[in-house]
C-alpha atoms as a PDB file:
ATOM      1  CA  MET A   1      38.486 -16.617 100.579  1.00  0.00           C
ATOM      2  CA  ILE A   2      36.711 -17.073  97.215  1.00  0.00           C
ATOM      3  CA  SER A   3      33.621 -14.966  96.585  1.00  0.00           C
ATOM      4  CA  ILE A   4      30.846 -16.803  94.587  1.00  0.00           C
ATOM      5  CA  GLN A   5      28.723 -14.346  92.654  1.00  0.00           C
ATOM      6  CA  ASN A   6      24.970 -15.048  92.365  1.00  0.00           C
ATOM      7  CA  PRO A   7      24.437 -15.523  88.601  1.00  0.00           C
ATOM      8  CA  LEU A   8      21.119 -13.738  88.763  1.00  0.00           C
ATOM      9  CA  SER A   9      22.859 -10.626  90.123  1.00  0.00           C
ATOM     10  CA  SER A  10      25.342 -10.271  87.233  1.00  0.00           C
ATOM     11  CA  PRO A  11      24.922  -7.254  85.005  1.00  0.00           C
ATOM     12  CA  ILE A  12      24.438  -9.364  81.978  1.00  0.00           C
ATOM     13  CA  THR A  13      21.730 -11.391  83.548  1.00  0.00           C
ATOM     14  CA  HIS A  14      20.028  -8.375  84.844  1.00  0.00           C
ATOM     15  CA  SER A  15      20.041  -6.722  81.482  1.00  0.00           C
ATOM     16  CA  CYS A  16      18.582  -9.869  79.777  1.00  0.00           C
ATOM     17  CA  ILE A  17      15.819  -9.989  82.420  1.00  0.00           C
ATOM     18  CA  ILE A  18      14.833  -6.300  81.664  1.00  0.00           C
ATOM     19  CA  ILE A  19      14.981  -7.067  77.781  1.00  0.00           C
ATOM     20  CA  PHE A  20      12.737 -10.077  78.178  1.00  0.00           C
ATOM     21  CA  HIS A  21      10.384  -8.215  80.315  1.00  0.00           C
ATOM     22  CA  LEU A  22      10.110  -5.367  77.801  1.00  0.00           C
ATOM     23  CA  LEU A  23       9.550  -7.737  74.989  1.00  0.00           C
ATOM     24  CA  ALA A  24       6.801  -9.464  76.852  1.00  0.00           C
ATOM     25  CA  GLN A  25       5.065  -5.978  77.372  1.00  0.00           C
ATOM     26  CA  ILE A  26       5.398  -5.092  73.836  1.00  0.00           C
ATOM     27  CA  THR A  27       3.927  -8.434  72.636  1.00  0.00           C
ATOM     28  CA  SER A  28       1.092  -8.289  75.025  1.00  0.00           C
ATOM     29  CA  SER A  29       0.153  -4.777  73.828  1.00  0.00           C
ATOM     30  CA  GLN A  30       0.092  -5.557  70.097  1.00  0.00           C
ATOM     31  CA  VAL A  31      -3.363  -5.453  68.647  1.00  0.00           C
ATOM     32  CA  ASP A  32      -4.448  -7.734  65.772  1.00  0.00           C
ATOM     33  CA  PRO A  33      -4.297  -5.568  62.640  1.00  0.00           C
ATOM     34  CA  LYS A  34      -7.575  -6.745  61.240  1.00  0.00           C
ATOM     35  CA  PHE A  35      -9.222  -5.391  64.415  1.00  0.00           C
ATOM     36  CA  THR A  36      -7.656  -2.065  63.896  1.00  0.00           C
ATOM     37  CA  ALA A  37      -8.429  -1.971  60.050  1.00  0.00           C
ATOM     38  CA  CYS A  38     -12.096  -2.822  60.549  1.00  0.00           C
ATOM     39  CA  ALA A  39     -12.904   0.160  62.860  1.00  0.00           C
ATOM     40  CA  PRO A  40     -16.276   1.740  61.755  1.00  0.00           C
ATOM     41  CA  LYS A  41     -16.010   4.525  59.212  1.00  0.00           C
ATOM     42  CA  THR A  42     -18.138   7.346  57.824  1.00  0.00           C
ATOM     43  CA  CYS A  43     -18.125   8.970  54.377  1.00  0.00           C
ATOM     44  CA  PRO A  44     -16.918  12.547  54.449  1.00  0.00           C
ATOM     45  CA  ASN A  45     -19.497  15.121  55.716  1.00  0.00           C
ATOM     46  CA  ASN A  46     -21.876  12.311  56.509  1.00  0.00           C
ATOM     47  CA  THR A  47     -22.844  10.743  59.936  1.00  0.00           C
ATOM     48  CA  GLN A  48     -23.984   7.343  58.782  1.00  0.00           C
ATOM     49  CA  THR A  49     -21.730   4.702  60.370  1.00  0.00           C
ATOM     50  CA  ILE A  50     -20.371   2.221  57.924  1.00  0.00           C
ATOM     51  CA  THR A  51     -19.540  -1.143  59.520  1.00  0.00           C
ATOM     52  CA  PHE A  52     -20.115  -4.906  58.849  1.00  0.00           C
ATOM     53  CA  PRO A  53     -21.582  -6.221  56.495  1.00  0.00           C
ATOM     54  CA  PHE A  54     -20.794  -3.030  54.495  1.00  0.00           C
ATOM     55  CA  TYR A  55     -17.358  -1.647  53.713  1.00  0.00           C
ATOM     56  CA  ILE A  56     -16.218   1.433  51.951  1.00  0.00           C
ATOM     57  CA  GLN A  57     -14.055   0.611  49.003  1.00  0.00           C
ATOM     58  CA  GLY A  58     -10.659   2.125  49.114  1.00  0.00           C
ATOM     59  CA  THR A  59     -11.062   3.170  52.779  1.00  0.00           C
ATOM     60  CA  GLN A  60     -11.775  -0.108  54.409  1.00  0.00           C
ATOM     61  CA  GLU A  61     -10.393  -3.616  53.620  1.00  0.00           C
ATOM     62  CA  PRO A  62     -12.729  -6.050  51.750  1.00  0.00           C
ATOM     63  CA  TYR A  63     -12.372  -8.392  54.656  1.00  0.00           C
ATOM     64  CA  CYS A  64     -14.237  -5.920  56.862  1.00  0.00           C
ATOM     65  CA  GLY A  65     -17.435  -6.628  55.098  1.00  0.00           C
ATOM     66  CA  SER A  66     -19.281  -9.313  53.265  1.00  0.00           C
ATOM     67  CA  PRO A  67     -19.109 -10.038  49.480  1.00  0.00           C
ATOM     68  CA  GLY A  68     -21.749  -7.838  47.678  1.00  0.00           C
ATOM     69  CA  PHE A  69     -21.780  -5.146  50.354  1.00  0.00           C
ATOM     70  CA  ALA A  70     -19.129  -2.819  48.817  1.00  0.00           C
ATOM     71  CA  ILE A  71     -20.071   0.831  48.950  1.00  0.00           C
ATOM     72  CA  SER A  72     -18.490   4.168  47.830  1.00  0.00           C
ATOM     73  CA  CYS A  73     -18.851   7.684  48.886  1.00  0.00           C
ATOM     74  CA  SER A  74     -20.269  10.381  46.528  1.00  0.00           C
ATOM     75  CA  PRO A  75     -18.516  13.766  46.139  1.00  0.00           C
ATOM     76  CA  HIS A  76     -21.151  15.257  48.483  1.00  0.00           C
ATOM     77  CA  GLY A  77     -20.523  12.524  51.094  1.00  0.00           C
ATOM     78  CA  PHE A  78     -23.538  10.250  50.585  1.00  0.00           C
ATOM     79  CA  PRO A  79     -22.753   6.472  50.850  1.00  0.00           C
ATOM     80  CA  ILE A  80     -23.600   4.814  47.599  1.00  0.00           C
ATOM     81  CA  LEU A  81     -24.656   1.286  46.839  1.00  0.00           C
ATOM     82  CA  ASN A  82     -24.345   0.251  43.206  1.00  0.00           C
ATOM     83  CA  LEU A  83     -27.102  -1.980  41.903  1.00  0.00           C
ATOM     84  CA  SER A  84     -27.379  -3.031  38.248  1.00  0.00           C
ATOM     85  CA  HIS A  85     -24.883  -0.307  37.291  1.00  0.00           C
ATOM     86  CA  THR A  86     -26.909   2.306  38.983  1.00  0.00           C
ATOM     87  CA  GLN A  87     -26.130   4.454  41.964  1.00  0.00           C
ATOM     88  CA  TYR A  88     -28.489   4.347  44.913  1.00  0.00           C
ATOM     89  CA  PHE A  89     -27.927   6.739  47.779  1.00  0.00           C
ATOM     90  CA  ILE A  90     -27.970   5.048  51.145  1.00  0.00           C
ATOM     91  CA  ARG A  91     -30.206   7.116  53.276  1.00  0.00           C
ATOM     92  CA  GLN A  92     -30.114   5.127  56.451  1.00  0.00           C
ATOM     93  CA  ILE A  93     -28.942   1.837  57.669  1.00  0.00           C
ATOM     94  CA  PHE A  94     -30.742  -0.035  60.380  1.00  0.00           C
ATOM     95  CA  TYR A  95     -28.209  -2.536  61.682  1.00  0.00           C
ATOM     96  CA  GLN A  96     -30.463  -3.995  64.395  1.00  0.00           C
ATOM     97  CA  ASN A  97     -32.962  -5.289  61.950  1.00  0.00           C
ATOM     98  CA  GLN A  98     -30.628  -5.667  58.961  1.00  0.00           C
ATOM     99  CA  SER A  99     -32.283  -3.266  56.634  1.00  0.00           C
ATOM    100  CA  LEU A 100     -31.402   0.022  54.896  1.00  0.00           C
ATOM    101  CA  ARG A 101     -33.261   2.775  52.954  1.00  0.00           C
ATOM    102  CA  VAL A 102     -31.942   3.610  49.486  1.00  0.00           C
ATOM    103  CA  SER A 103     -33.010   5.809  46.709  1.00  0.00           C
ATOM    104  CA  ASN A 104     -32.133   5.915  42.992  1.00  0.00           C
ATOM    105  CA  ALA A 105     -29.597   8.934  42.669  1.00  0.00           C
ATOM    106  CA  ALA A 106     -31.456   9.988  39.448  1.00  0.00           C
ATOM    107  CA  PHE A 107     -34.617  10.780  41.599  1.00  0.00           C
ATOM    108  CA  SER A 108     -32.775  12.935  44.023  1.00  0.00           C
ATOM    109  CA  THR A 109     -34.169  16.184  42.595  1.00  0.00           C
ATOM    110  CA  LEU A 110     -37.765  15.223  42.889  1.00  0.00           C
ATOM    111  CA  GLN A 111     -39.913  16.873  45.465  1.00  0.00           C
ATOM    112  CA  SER A 112     -43.591  16.380  46.414  1.00  0.00           C
ATOM    113  CA  ASN A 113     -46.225  18.338  44.279  1.00  0.00           C
ATOM    114  CA  THR A 114     -43.459  19.295  41.902  1.00  0.00           C
ATOM    115  CA  THR A 115     -43.246  18.621  38.129  1.00  0.00           C
ATOM    116  CA  LYS A 116     -40.258  20.763  37.256  1.00  0.00           C
ATOM    117  CA  ALA A 117     -37.439  18.290  37.504  1.00  0.00           C
ATOM    118  CA  CYS A 118     -36.289  16.620  34.425  1.00  0.00           C
ATOM    119  CA  LEU A 119     -35.244  12.946  34.776  1.00  0.00           C
ATOM    120  CA  ALA A 120     -32.587  11.088  32.787  1.00  0.00           C
ATOM    121  CA  PRO A 121     -33.398   7.392  31.910  1.00  0.00           C
ATOM    122  CA  THR A 122     -32.210   4.983  34.411  1.00  0.00           C
ATOM    123  CA  GLN A 123     -32.028   1.175  34.817  1.00  0.00           C
ATOM    124  CA  ASN A 124     -34.564  -1.276  36.145  1.00  0.00           C
ATOM    125  CA  LEU A 125     -34.123  -2.143  39.816  1.00  0.00           C
ATOM    126  CA  THR A 126     -32.157  -5.418  39.726  1.00  0.00           C
ATOM    127  CA  LEU A 127     -30.885  -7.081  42.950  1.00  0.00           C
ATOM    128  CA  PRO A 128     -27.733  -9.289  43.020  1.00  0.00           C
ATOM    129  CA  PRO A 129     -28.450 -12.988  42.144  1.00  0.00           C
ATOM    130  CA  THR A 130     -26.686 -14.001  45.457  1.00  0.00           C
ATOM    131  CA  ASN A 131     -29.883 -13.080  47.275  1.00  0.00           C
ATOM    132  CA  VAL A 132     -28.016 -11.244  50.023  1.00  0.00           C
ATOM    133  CA  LEU A 133     -30.245  -8.240  49.379  1.00  0.00           C
ATOM    134  CA  ARG A 134     -33.997  -8.250  48.912  1.00  0.00           C
ATOM    135  CA  VAL A 135     -36.796  -5.792  48.738  1.00  0.00           C
ATOM    136  CA  ALA A 136     -38.384  -5.508  52.260  1.00  0.00           C
ATOM    137  CA  PRO A 137     -42.195  -5.958  52.769  1.00  0.00           C
ATOM    138  CA  ASN A 138     -44.717  -3.144  52.315  1.00  0.00           C
ATOM    139  CA  GLN A 139     -43.067  -1.722  49.208  1.00  0.00           C
ATOM    140  CA  MET A 140     -44.971  -0.775  46.025  1.00  0.00           C
ATOM    141  CA  ASP A 141     -43.955  -1.823  42.513  1.00  0.00           C
ATOM    142  CA  VAL A 142     -43.838   1.354  40.209  1.00  0.00           C
ATOM    143  CA  VAL A 143     -43.375   1.606  36.498  1.00  0.00           C
ATOM    144  CA  LEU A 144     -41.878   4.785  34.986  1.00  0.00           C
ATOM    145  CA  PHE A 145     -42.773   5.769  31.438  1.00  0.00           C
ATOM    146  CA  TYR A 146     -40.460   8.316  29.672  1.00  0.00           C
ATOM    147  CA  GLY A 147     -41.344  10.302  26.653  1.00  0.00           C
ATOM    148  CA  CYS A 148     -45.075  10.576  27.341  1.00  0.00           C
ATOM    149  CA  ASP A 149     -47.775  12.902  25.960  1.00  0.00           C
ATOM    150  CA  ALA A 150     -50.871  12.092  28.054  1.00  0.00           C
ATOM    151  CA  PRO A 151     -52.414  15.295  29.637  1.00  0.00           C
ATOM    152  CA  SER A 152     -55.274  13.214  30.975  1.00  0.00           C
ATOM    153  CA  LEU A 153     -52.786  11.401  33.335  1.00  0.00           C
ATOM    154  CA  ASP A 154     -51.235  14.694  34.706  1.00  0.00           C
ATOM    155  CA  GLU A 155     -51.657  13.381  38.219  1.00  0.00           C
ATOM    156  CA  GLN A 156     -49.093  10.569  37.469  1.00  0.00           C
ATOM    157  CA  ARG A 157     -46.560  12.984  36.088  1.00  0.00           C
ATOM    158  CA  VAL A 158     -43.424  13.189  38.191  1.00  0.00           C
ATOM    159  CA  GLY A 159     -41.168  15.354  35.810  1.00  0.00           C
ATOM    160  CA  CYS A 160     -40.189  15.972  32.328  1.00  0.00           C
ATOM    161  CA  SER A 161     -37.855  13.730  30.196  1.00  0.00           C
ATOM    162  CA  ALA A 162     -34.159  14.932  30.209  1.00  0.00           C
ATOM    163  CA  GLU A 163     -33.899  13.793  26.477  1.00  0.00           C
ATOM    164  CA  ASN A 164     -36.942  15.873  25.554  1.00  0.00           C
ATOM    165  CA  GLU A 165     -38.256  18.529  28.015  1.00  0.00           C
ATOM    166  CA  THR A 166     -41.564  18.904  26.237  1.00  0.00           C
ATOM    167  CA  SER A 167     -42.357  15.312  27.097  1.00  0.00           C
ATOM    168  CA  SER A 168     -43.213  13.889  30.497  1.00  0.00           C
ATOM    169  CA  VAL A 169     -42.239  11.120  32.825  1.00  0.00           C
ATOM    170  CA  LEU A 170     -45.073   9.297  34.313  1.00  0.00           C
ATOM    171  CA  ALA A 171     -45.080   7.014  37.392  1.00  0.00           C
ATOM    172  CA  LEU A 172     -47.786   4.343  37.876  1.00  0.00           C
ATOM    173  CA  ASP A 173     -48.504   1.649  40.337  1.00  0.00           C
ATOM    174  CA  LYS A 174     -47.838  -1.547  38.410  1.00  0.00           C
ATOM    175  CA  ARG A 175     -51.473  -2.599  39.316  1.00  0.00           C
ATOM    176  CA  ASP A 176     -52.852   0.435  37.803  1.00  0.00           C
ATOM    177  CA  LYS A 177     -55.539  -0.153  35.211  1.00  0.00           C
ATOM    178  CA  ASN A 178     -54.070   2.672  32.984  1.00  0.00           C
ATOM    179  CA  ILE A 179     -50.864   0.908  32.298  1.00  0.00           C
ATOM    180  CA  SER A 180     -51.783  -0.281  28.824  1.00  0.00           C
ATOM    181  CA  LEU A 181     -53.099   3.182  27.979  1.00  0.00           C
ATOM    182  CA  VAL A 182     -49.879   4.897  29.154  1.00  0.00           C
ATOM    183  CA  ALA A 183     -47.805   2.503  27.243  1.00  0.00           C
ATOM    184  CA  LYS A 184     -49.489   3.664  24.043  1.00  0.00           C
ATOM    185  CA  ASN A 185     -48.848   7.410  24.721  1.00  0.00           C
ATOM    186  CA  CYS A 186     -45.121   7.029  25.754  1.00  0.00           C
ATOM    187  CA  LYS A 187     -42.266   6.578  23.340  1.00  0.00           C
ATOM    188  CA  GLY A 188     -39.365   6.529  25.720  1.00  0.00           C
ATOM    189  CA  GLU A 189     -37.869   4.163  28.154  1.00  0.00           C
ATOM    190  CA  VAL A 190     -39.893   1.940  30.539  1.00  0.00           C
ATOM    191  CA  VAL A 191     -38.335   1.438  33.967  1.00  0.00           C
ATOM    192  CA  ASP A 192     -39.441  -0.748  36.933  1.00  0.00           C
ATOM    193  CA  THR A 193     -38.625   0.230  40.398  1.00  0.00           C
ATOM    194  CA  VAL A 194     -40.184   0.202  43.894  1.00  0.00           C
ATOM    195  CA  VAL A 195     -41.077   2.777  46.455  1.00  0.00           C
ATOM    196  CA  GLU A 196     -42.309   2.586  50.069  1.00  0.00           C
ATOM    197  CA  ASP A 197     -46.110   2.061  50.132  1.00  0.00           C
ATOM    198  CA  GLY A 198     -48.173   4.588  51.972  1.00  0.00           C
ATOM    199  CA  LEU A 199     -46.214   7.698  51.110  1.00  0.00           C
ATOM    200  CA  GLU A 200     -48.157  10.631  49.669  1.00  0.00           C
ATOM    201  CA  GLY A 201     -47.128  11.704  46.214  1.00  0.00           C
ATOM    202  CA  VAL A 202     -45.121   9.335  43.899  1.00  0.00           C
ATOM    203  CA  GLY A 203     -42.516  12.010  43.287  1.00  0.00           C
ATOM    204  CA  GLU A 204     -41.731  12.253  46.953  1.00  0.00           C
ATOM    205  CA  ALA A 205     -41.794   8.550  47.363  1.00  0.00           C
ATOM    206  CA  LEU A 206     -39.303   8.102  44.549  1.00  0.00           C
ATOM    207  CA  ARG A 207     -37.004  10.610  46.156  1.00  0.00           C
ATOM    208  CA  LYS A 208     -37.243   9.121  49.549  1.00  0.00           C
ATOM    209  CA  GLY A 209     -36.571   5.624  48.158  1.00  0.00           C
ATOM    210  CA  PHE A 210     -37.437   2.260  49.488  1.00  0.00           C
ATOM    211  CA  LEU A 211     -36.314  -0.477  52.042  1.00  0.00           C
ATOM    212  CA  LEU A 212     -33.980  -3.393  51.425  1.00  0.00           C
ATOM    213  CA  SER A 213     -33.179  -6.120  53.912  1.00  0.00           C
ATOM    214  CA  TRP A 214     -30.102  -8.249  53.813  1.00  0.00           C
ATOM    215  CA  THR A 215     -28.710 -11.578  54.897  1.00  0.00           C
ATOM    216  CA  ALA A 216     -25.199 -11.719  56.291  1.00  0.00           C
ATOM    217  CA  GLY A 217     -23.346 -13.310  59.229  1.00  0.00           C
ATOM    218  CA  ASN A 218     -24.886 -12.337  62.656  1.00  0.00           C
ATOM    219  CA  CYS A 219     -22.568  -9.865  64.276  1.00  0.00           C
ATOM    220  CA  THR A 220     -24.240  -9.677  67.661  1.00  0.00           C
ATOM    221  CA  LEU A 221     -22.078 -12.063  69.583  1.00  0.00           C
ATOM    222  CA  CYS A 222     -18.849 -10.644  68.239  1.00  0.00           C
ATOM    223  CA  ASN A 223     -19.856  -7.020  68.888  1.00  0.00           C
ATOM    224  CA  SER A 224     -21.088  -7.745  72.393  1.00  0.00           C
ATOM    225  CA  SER A 225     -17.697  -9.449  73.235  1.00  0.00           C
ATOM    226  CA  GLY A 226     -15.790  -6.301  72.100  1.00  0.00           C
ATOM    227  CA  GLY A 227     -14.869  -7.602  68.659  1.00  0.00           C
ATOM    228  CA  ARG A 228     -15.337  -6.335  65.005  1.00  0.00           C
ATOM    229  CA  CYS A 229     -17.065  -8.435  62.408  1.00  0.00           C
ATOM    230  CA  GLY A 230     -15.519  -9.537  59.031  1.00  0.00           C
ATOM    231  CA  PHE A 231     -15.439 -12.113  56.366  1.00  0.00           C
ATOM    232  CA  ASP A 232     -12.657 -14.495  55.271  1.00  0.00           C
ATOM    233  CA  SER A 233     -13.107 -14.906  51.525  1.00  0.00           C
ATOM    234  CA  ALA A 234     -10.691 -17.700  51.304  1.00  0.00           C
ATOM    235  CA  MET A 235     -12.693 -19.791  53.790  1.00  0.00           C
ATOM    236  CA  PHE A 236     -15.942 -18.001  52.706  1.00  0.00           C
ATOM    237  CA  THR A 237     -17.100 -17.696  56.353  1.00  0.00           C
ATOM    238  CA  PHE A 238     -17.722 -15.025  58.956  1.00  0.00           C
ATOM    239  CA  ARG A 239     -14.918 -14.058  61.356  1.00  0.00           C
ATOM    240  CA  CYS A 240     -14.586 -12.027  64.575  1.00  0.00           C
ATOM    241  CA  TYR A 241     -11.552  -9.770  64.718  1.00  0.00           C
ATOM    242  CA  CYS A 242     -10.559  -9.268  68.353  1.00  0.00           C
ATOM    243  CA  THR A 243      -7.657  -7.381  69.937  1.00  0.00           C
ATOM    244  CA  ASP A 244      -5.754 -10.596  70.444  1.00  0.00           C
ATOM    245  CA  ARG A 245      -6.291 -12.611  67.270  1.00  0.00           C
ATOM    246  CA  ILE A 246      -9.206 -13.775  64.947  1.00  0.00           C
ATOM    247  CA  HIS A 247     -12.081 -15.846  66.457  1.00  0.00           C
ATOM    248  CA  SER A 248     -14.956 -17.748  64.769  1.00  0.00           C
ATOM    249  CA  ALA A 249     -17.803 -15.995  66.456  1.00  0.00           C
ATOM    250  CA  ARG A 250     -16.737 -13.920  69.583  1.00  0.00           C
ATOM    251  CA  CYS A 251     -13.813 -12.690  71.483  1.00  0.00           C
ATOM    252  CA  ALA A 252     -13.332 -15.695  73.653  1.00  0.00           C
ATOM    253  CA  ASP A 253     -11.850 -19.149  73.581  1.00  0.00           C
ATOM    254  CA  ASP A 254     -13.306 -20.909  70.539  1.00  0.00           C
ATOM    255  CA  PRO A 255     -14.871 -24.152  70.997  1.00  0.00           C
END
């Protein structure tokens, strides 16, 4: 009597089924590499979370953030935003209302009611022409005058000039009626900047910095669906990186 073997019970068939099953498990467990790459990061010794639209150069991939939002980390761990070739410390990022507080690194030594710090000349505050960053409301325009000799304006003195410690640096509200008088008594650089309005003491206000708001792709839908936001520079459009693949707005079937 001839015995007919069930083809599904053969050793070779059984081994193939196991292999295909294992391959299916491996494939289903793979996570899209851009989702992994765009995990939130922090600068060393700093607790501020860096995520879309910002990305840390050299630590995160550029596609994890939007163009114009690259930052770096200072040796002390401060996140740094470079504006007009000038380093600004990022004091705090408010992702919910798309704003951040920054301060010129040159003013980090200033304290309220202190006139001992010497300040090196810095650049005017100039924002990128792309209009992705802009000065938030309730900020005050300030003019810094270097190389000054005006004892009558000692209240406006925020420190000495690093180039000449015997001369002063004065900070005035741009609407101050003494602007023209100060300009005649100062021989150094003139720098335009902004501070948050309402803070007591210009030196303290310069140290604490000011608020910027930004415009970038809305990350709410992507985040709420478990994704991580990013930007496709080739298509110049927002992307949502999910565990399975890249979506246009959220981790679900795209329209």
